[in-house]
Amino acid sequence: MDDVLADYAASATPEMIAGYDALPPEQIYASVLDLFPDSPARIADIGAGTGRDAAWLARQGHDVLAVEPVRAFREAGVALHGGAIEWLDDRLPELVEVERHGPFNLVLLCAVWHHLDPAARACAVRSLARITASGGRVILSLRHDPGAPGRGSYPAPPEEAIDLASAASFHLTRRAEADSVHAESRARGVRWTWLVFTKAAS
């Protein structure tokens, strides 16, 4: 994971940041948009990048914690979005600092799961169970790339995530397939599986 974060830090150019922040959340989350909270809720955006999605949710009245371990992205997010969201320096799989701020009604993990190896994913799901409120949801995207996996990228089979979540008292609420919103990735054949899990009421 340290290598992955170093790569992201090195690639955090103004052009990259502007391109990332310009992608429309409504299109990214189209497959699961109806499962977001209707009323103000506590939301944790894990791997928030520049805060694009977190700021979008904050504008809807939600209380959002943007969790991002890459300092350059956090600084860019503050510059782009001001004080609309709260920032936290923490990382998967443990999410120790996030746990101190929970629980959350919704936890987002957009485009981060493929950076975790299977052992880290098992730990991450246990962390998600600790930070998600009873009856709360986790929205998770899984990247499928037809090319060779890049550095710090691992295949992300949906069945693996579903089994791990089930063992941690989550039940599958939705599974949906989608093309990449990013034009370059879409041209390479990158696709995504969206999984929504609901934590069993205690």
Protein backbone atom coordinates (compact mmCIF):
# COMPACT_ATOMS: atom_id res chain seq x y z
CA MET A 1 0.00 0.00 0.00
CA ASP A 2 2.90 2.39 0.67
CA ASP A 3 4.00 2.01 -2.97
CA VAL A 4 0.48 2.73 -4.19
CA LEU A 5 0.23 5.89 -2.11
CA ALA A 6 3.67 7.03 -3.29
CA ASP A 7 2.57 6.55 -6.92
CA TYR A 8 -0.57 8.60 -6.32
CA ALA A 9 1.42 11.35 -4.63
CA ALA A 10 3.83 11.48 -7.56
CA SER A 11 0.96 11.67 -10.07
CA ALA A 12 -0.93 14.45 -8.26
CA THR A 13 -0.33 17.04 -10.97
CA PRO A 14 -2.72 19.96 -11.46
CA GLU A 15 -3.91 18.34 -14.69
CA MET A 16 -4.61 15.00 -13.03
CA ILE A 17 -6.41 16.66 -10.13
CA ALA A 18 -8.55 18.81 -12.43
CA GLY A 19 -9.50 15.80 -14.55
CA TYR A 20 -10.43 13.70 -11.52
CA ASP A 21 -12.48 16.43 -9.91
CA ALA A 22 -14.36 17.13 -13.15
CA LEU A 23 -15.92 13.66 -13.37
CA PRO A 24 -19.65 13.93 -12.48
CA PRO A 25 -20.62 11.91 -9.38
CA GLU A 26 -24.17 11.50 -10.67
CA GLN A 27 -22.78 9.47 -13.59
CA ILE A 28 -20.23 7.58 -11.50
CA TYR A 29 -22.86 6.38 -9.01
CA ALA A 30 -25.74 6.03 -11.49
CA SER A 31 -26.13 2.29 -10.80
CA VAL A 32 -26.62 2.83 -7.06
CA LEU A 33 -27.76 6.43 -6.77
CA ASP A 34 -31.21 5.53 -5.46
CA LEU A 35 -29.63 3.78 -2.45
CA PHE A 36 -27.98 6.93 -1.09
CA PRO A 37 -29.65 8.48 1.98
CA ASP A 38 -32.61 10.76 1.27
CA SER A 39 -32.29 12.72 4.51
CA PRO A 40 -29.11 14.20 6.06
CA ALA A 41 -26.80 11.41 7.14
CA ARG A 42 -23.27 10.79 8.40
CA ILE A 43 -21.10 9.62 5.50
CA ALA A 44 -17.47 8.48 5.30
CA ASP A 45 -15.78 8.66 1.89
CA ILE A 46 -12.82 6.27 2.10
CA GLY A 47 -10.07 7.13 -0.37
CA ALA A 48 -11.73 10.46 -1.09
CA GLY A 49 -9.05 11.79 -3.44
CA THR A 50 -9.66 15.48 -3.99
CA GLY A 51 -13.03 15.36 -2.25
CA ARG A 52 -15.12 15.47 -5.42
CA ASP A 53 -17.75 13.03 -4.15
CA ALA A 54 -17.55 14.21 -0.54
CA ALA A 55 -18.22 17.82 -1.56
CA TRP A 56 -21.11 16.72 -3.78
CA LEU A 57 -22.68 14.89 -0.84
CA ALA A 58 -22.06 17.81 1.53
CA ARG A 59 -23.96 20.09 -0.85
CA GLN A 60 -26.94 17.78 -0.35
CA GLY A 61 -26.87 18.41 3.39
CA HIS A 62 -24.92 15.37 4.56
CA ASP A 63 -22.22 15.40 7.24
CA VAL A 64 -19.23 14.04 5.33
CA LEU A 65 -15.81 12.83 6.46
CA ALA A 66 -13.32 12.66 3.58
CA VAL A 67 -10.66 10.05 4.38
CA GLU A 68 -7.55 10.38 2.23
CA PRO A 69 -3.96 9.29 3.01
CA VAL A 70 -2.29 11.25 0.16
CA ARG A 71 -1.41 14.71 1.43
CA ALA A 72 -1.37 16.28 -2.05
CA PHE A 73 -4.96 15.20 -2.62
CA ARG A 74 -6.10 16.50 0.76
CA GLU A 75 -4.48 19.86 0.13
CA ALA A 76 -6.02 20.04 -3.35
CA GLY A 77 -9.39 19.15 -1.87
CA VAL A 78 -9.23 21.95 0.68
CA ALA A 79 -8.28 24.40 -2.09
CA LEU A 80 -11.08 23.20 -4.36
CA HIS A 81 -13.89 22.71 -1.86
CA GLY A 82 -13.05 24.88 1.13
CA GLY A 83 -14.55 23.90 4.47
CA ALA A 84 -17.59 22.04 3.13
CA ILE A 85 -16.17 18.71 4.30
CA GLU A 86 -14.00 17.43 7.14
CA TRP A 87 -10.70 15.79 6.17
CA LEU A 88 -8.93 12.90 7.87
CA ASP A 89 -5.54 11.30 7.16
CA ASP A 90 -6.18 7.56 7.49
CA ARG A 91 -5.92 4.49 5.31
CA LEU A 92 -7.26 1.05 4.61
CA PRO A 93 -7.38 -1.63 5.81
CA GLU A 94 -7.45 -0.73 9.54
CA LEU A 95 -9.16 2.71 9.51
CA VAL A 96 -8.21 3.26 13.14
CA GLU A 97 -8.77 7.02 13.09
CA VAL A 98 -12.02 6.72 11.15
CA GLU A 99 -13.42 4.40 13.80
CA ARG A 100 -13.05 7.19 16.37
CA HIS A 101 -15.37 9.35 14.24
CA GLY A 102 -18.03 6.71 13.58
CA PRO A 103 -20.43 5.17 13.23
CA PHE A 104 -21.62 6.22 9.77
CA ASN A 105 -24.92 5.71 7.96
CA LEU A 106 -23.10 5.33 4.64
CA VAL A 107 -19.52 4.38 3.80
CA LEU A 108 -18.21 4.87 0.25
CA LEU A 109 -15.25 3.08 -1.31
CA CYS A 110 -15.02 4.23 -4.92
CA ALA A 111 -12.11 2.88 -6.98
CA VAL A 112 -9.97 1.76 -4.05
CA TRP A 113 -10.73 -1.96 -3.50
CA HIS A 114 -8.42 -3.23 -6.27
CA HIS A 115 -5.43 -1.75 -4.42
CA LEU A 116 -5.92 -4.17 -1.51
CA ASP A 117 -4.61 -7.73 -1.60
CA PRO A 118 -6.91 -10.52 -0.33
CA ALA A 119 -5.52 -10.46 3.21
CA ALA A 120 -5.96 -6.70 3.44
CA ARG A 121 -9.51 -6.99 2.11
CA ALA A 122 -10.47 -9.38 4.89
CA CYS A 123 -9.13 -6.89 7.44
CA ALA A 124 -10.83 -3.99 5.64
CA VAL A 125 -14.27 -5.61 5.78
CA ARG A 126 -13.94 -6.07 9.53
CA SER A 127 -13.02 -2.38 9.78
CA LEU A 128 -16.05 -1.43 7.69
CA ALA A 129 -18.28 -3.43 10.01
CA ARG A 130 -16.95 -1.44 12.97
CA ILE A 131 -17.52 1.98 11.40
CA THR A 132 -20.93 1.32 9.79
CA ALA A 133 -24.02 2.01 11.85
CA SER A 134 -26.63 -0.70 12.38
CA GLY A 135 -28.78 -0.66 9.26
CA GLY A 136 -26.21 1.48 7.46
CA ARG A 137 -24.83 0.82 4.00
CA VAL A 138 -21.47 0.33 2.33
CA ILE A 139 -21.15 1.18 -1.37
CA LEU A 140 -18.16 -0.48 -2.99
CA SER A 141 -16.86 -0.40 -6.57
CA LEU A 142 -14.70 -3.18 -8.00
CA ARG A 143 -12.46 -2.47 -10.99
CA HIS A 144 -12.10 -5.02 -13.79
CA ASP A 145 -9.26 -4.26 -16.19
CA PRO A 146 -8.75 -6.49 -19.26
CA GLY A 147 -5.06 -5.58 -19.35
CA ALA A 148 -2.31 -6.74 -17.00
CA PRO A 149 -2.82 -5.45 -13.45
CA GLY A 150 -0.77 -2.36 -12.73
CA ARG A 151 1.49 -1.82 -9.76
CA GLY A 152 -0.39 -2.29 -6.53
CA SER A 153 -3.50 -3.53 -8.33
CA TYR A 154 -5.15 -6.90 -7.78
CA PRO A 155 -8.08 -8.72 -9.41
CA ALA A 156 -11.30 -7.91 -7.56
CA PRO A 157 -13.80 -10.76 -7.92
CA PRO A 158 -17.25 -9.76 -6.66
CA GLU A 159 -17.84 -13.15 -5.03
CA GLU A 160 -14.83 -12.61 -2.75
CA ALA A 161 -16.18 -9.28 -1.52
CA ILE A 162 -19.69 -10.66 -1.09
CA ASP A 163 -18.45 -13.61 0.98
CA LEU A 164 -16.28 -11.39 3.18
CA ALA A 165 -19.15 -8.96 3.74
CA SER A 166 -21.60 -11.75 4.55
CA ALA A 167 -19.22 -13.07 7.22
CA ALA A 168 -19.15 -9.58 8.76
CA SER A 169 -22.96 -9.28 9.15
CA PHE A 170 -23.63 -7.41 5.90
CA HIS A 171 -26.20 -8.54 3.38
CA LEU A 172 -26.02 -7.79 -0.32
CA THR A 173 -28.56 -5.15 -1.31
CA ARG A 174 -27.51 -4.66 -4.93
CA ARG A 175 -25.01 -5.86 -7.50
CA ALA A 176 -24.71 -3.88 -10.74
CA GLU A 177 -22.29 -3.80 -13.68
CA ALA A 178 -21.19 -0.57 -15.38
CA ASP A 179 -18.79 0.81 -17.96
CA SER A 180 -16.16 3.26 -16.81
CA VAL A 181 -17.23 6.91 -16.79
CA HIS A 182 -13.65 7.93 -17.59
CA ALA A 183 -13.33 8.00 -21.41
CA GLU A 184 -9.76 6.71 -21.55
CA SER A 185 -10.49 3.82 -19.18
CA ARG A 186 -13.68 2.98 -21.06
CA ALA A 187 -11.70 2.82 -24.31
CA ARG A 188 -9.38 0.28 -22.68
CA GLY A 189 -12.34 -1.89 -21.70
CA VAL A 190 -12.28 -1.13 -17.98
CA ARG A 191 -15.54 -2.08 -16.30
CA TRP A 192 -16.85 -1.86 -12.76
CA THR A 193 -19.02 -3.94 -10.48
CA TRP A 194 -20.97 -1.97 -7.90
CA LEU A 195 -21.88 -3.71 -4.66
CA VAL A 196 -24.14 -2.26 -1.97
CA PHE A 197 -24.16 -3.94 1.43
CA THR A 198 -26.50 -3.24 4.33
CA LYS A 199 -25.36 -3.96 7.86
CA ALA A 200 -27.69 -6.16 9.84
CA ALA A 201 -29.65 -4.34 12.52
CA SER A 202 -28.38 -5.12 16.00
